[in-house]
């Protein structure tokens, strides 16, 4: 799959809301803990699959966290559905 490295926009913004900051930290921690889908780029330009030791899958874990949030705050889903 080709990568769009030349025609993209990246934006940085401060996250000051403590709840959003905590959520972003959680998402980052899940991504860094992934050992099922993760690959590492070596200094020689070769990609190596990270060995599975704990069995953290980012996609599954983030899905589970979203489902948990939806169960705790069902009214948030109704707000999103209304747009």
Protein backbone atom coordinates (compact mmCIF):
# COMPACT_ATOMS: atom_id res chain seq x y z
CA UNK A 1 0.00 0.00 0.00
CA UNK A 2 1.48 3.38 -0.95
CA UNK A 3 1.99 5.88 1.86
CA UNK A 4 0.99 9.52 1.61
CA UNK A 5 4.10 11.16 3.02
CA UNK A 6 4.18 14.17 0.68
CA UNK A 7 0.59 15.45 0.48
CA UNK A 8 -0.71 15.42 4.01
CA UNK A 9 -1.28 17.86 6.83
CA UNK A 10 -0.31 17.18 10.41
CA UNK A 11 -1.59 19.29 13.27
CA UNK A 12 -0.50 19.59 16.89
CA UNK A 13 -2.81 20.94 19.54
CA UNK A 14 -2.62 21.17 23.33
CA UNK A 15 -5.05 18.91 25.17
CA UNK A 16 -6.02 20.74 28.35
CA UNK A 17 -9.13 18.79 29.37
CA UNK A 18 -7.98 16.29 32.04
CA UNK A 19 -10.45 13.59 30.94
CA UNK A 20 -9.37 13.81 27.30
CA UNK A 21 -5.72 13.89 28.34
CA UNK A 22 -6.19 10.70 30.37
CA UNK A 23 -7.99 9.03 27.47
CA UNK A 24 -5.19 9.93 25.05
CA UNK A 25 -2.64 8.57 27.52
CA UNK A 26 -4.63 5.33 27.72
CA UNK A 27 -4.77 5.04 23.92
CA UNK A 28 -1.03 5.66 23.66
CA UNK A 29 -0.29 3.09 26.36
CA UNK A 30 -2.38 0.47 24.55
CA UNK A 31 -0.58 1.14 21.27
CA UNK A 32 2.84 0.92 22.91
CA UNK A 33 1.91 -2.34 24.67
CA UNK A 34 0.76 -4.06 21.44
CA UNK A 35 2.74 -7.22 20.82
CA UNK A 36 0.36 -9.00 18.46
CA UNK A 37 0.09 -6.59 15.52
CA UNK A 38 3.25 -4.54 16.05
CA UNK A 39 6.31 -4.39 13.84
CA UNK A 40 9.58 -2.59 14.49
CA UNK A 41 11.69 -0.80 11.89
CA UNK A 42 15.36 -1.52 12.42
CA UNK A 43 18.26 0.77 11.66
CA UNK A 44 18.96 -1.26 8.54
CA UNK A 45 15.50 -0.46 7.13
CA UNK A 46 14.15 -3.98 7.75
CA UNK A 47 10.82 -4.56 9.48
CA UNK A 48 10.71 -7.21 12.21
CA UNK A 49 7.56 -8.60 13.83
CA UNK A 50 7.49 -7.90 17.57
CA UNK A 51 7.34 -11.26 19.42
CA UNK A 52 4.04 -11.94 21.18
CA UNK A 53 4.70 -12.21 24.90
CA UNK A 54 1.65 -10.80 26.68
CA UNK A 55 -0.85 -10.91 23.83
CA UNK A 56 -1.97 -7.27 23.66
CA UNK A 57 -3.87 -6.52 20.44
CA UNK A 58 -4.42 -2.77 20.00
CA UNK A 59 -7.53 -3.16 17.84
CA UNK A 60 -9.21 -5.58 20.26
CA UNK A 61 -8.26 -3.57 23.37
CA UNK A 62 -9.45 -0.23 21.94
CA UNK A 63 -12.70 -1.88 20.84
CA UNK A 64 -13.18 -3.27 24.37
CA UNK A 65 -12.49 0.14 25.94
CA UNK A 66 -15.00 1.82 23.58
CA UNK A 67 -17.65 -0.81 24.37
CA UNK A 68 -17.02 -0.32 28.09
CA UNK A 69 -17.42 3.48 27.73
CA UNK A 70 -20.65 2.97 25.78
CA UNK A 71 -22.06 0.74 28.53
CA UNK A 72 -21.15 3.30 31.21
CA UNK A 73 -22.44 6.33 29.26
CA UNK A 74 -25.22 5.24 26.87
CA UNK A 75 -26.47 8.83 26.55
CA UNK A 76 -23.22 9.76 24.76
CA UNK A 77 -24.17 7.38 21.94
CA UNK A 78 -27.55 9.05 21.53
CA UNK A 79 -25.86 12.45 21.30
CA UNK A 80 -23.47 11.18 18.63
CA UNK A 81 -26.33 9.61 16.67
CA UNK A 82 -28.17 12.93 16.53
CA UNK A 83 -25.06 14.64 15.14
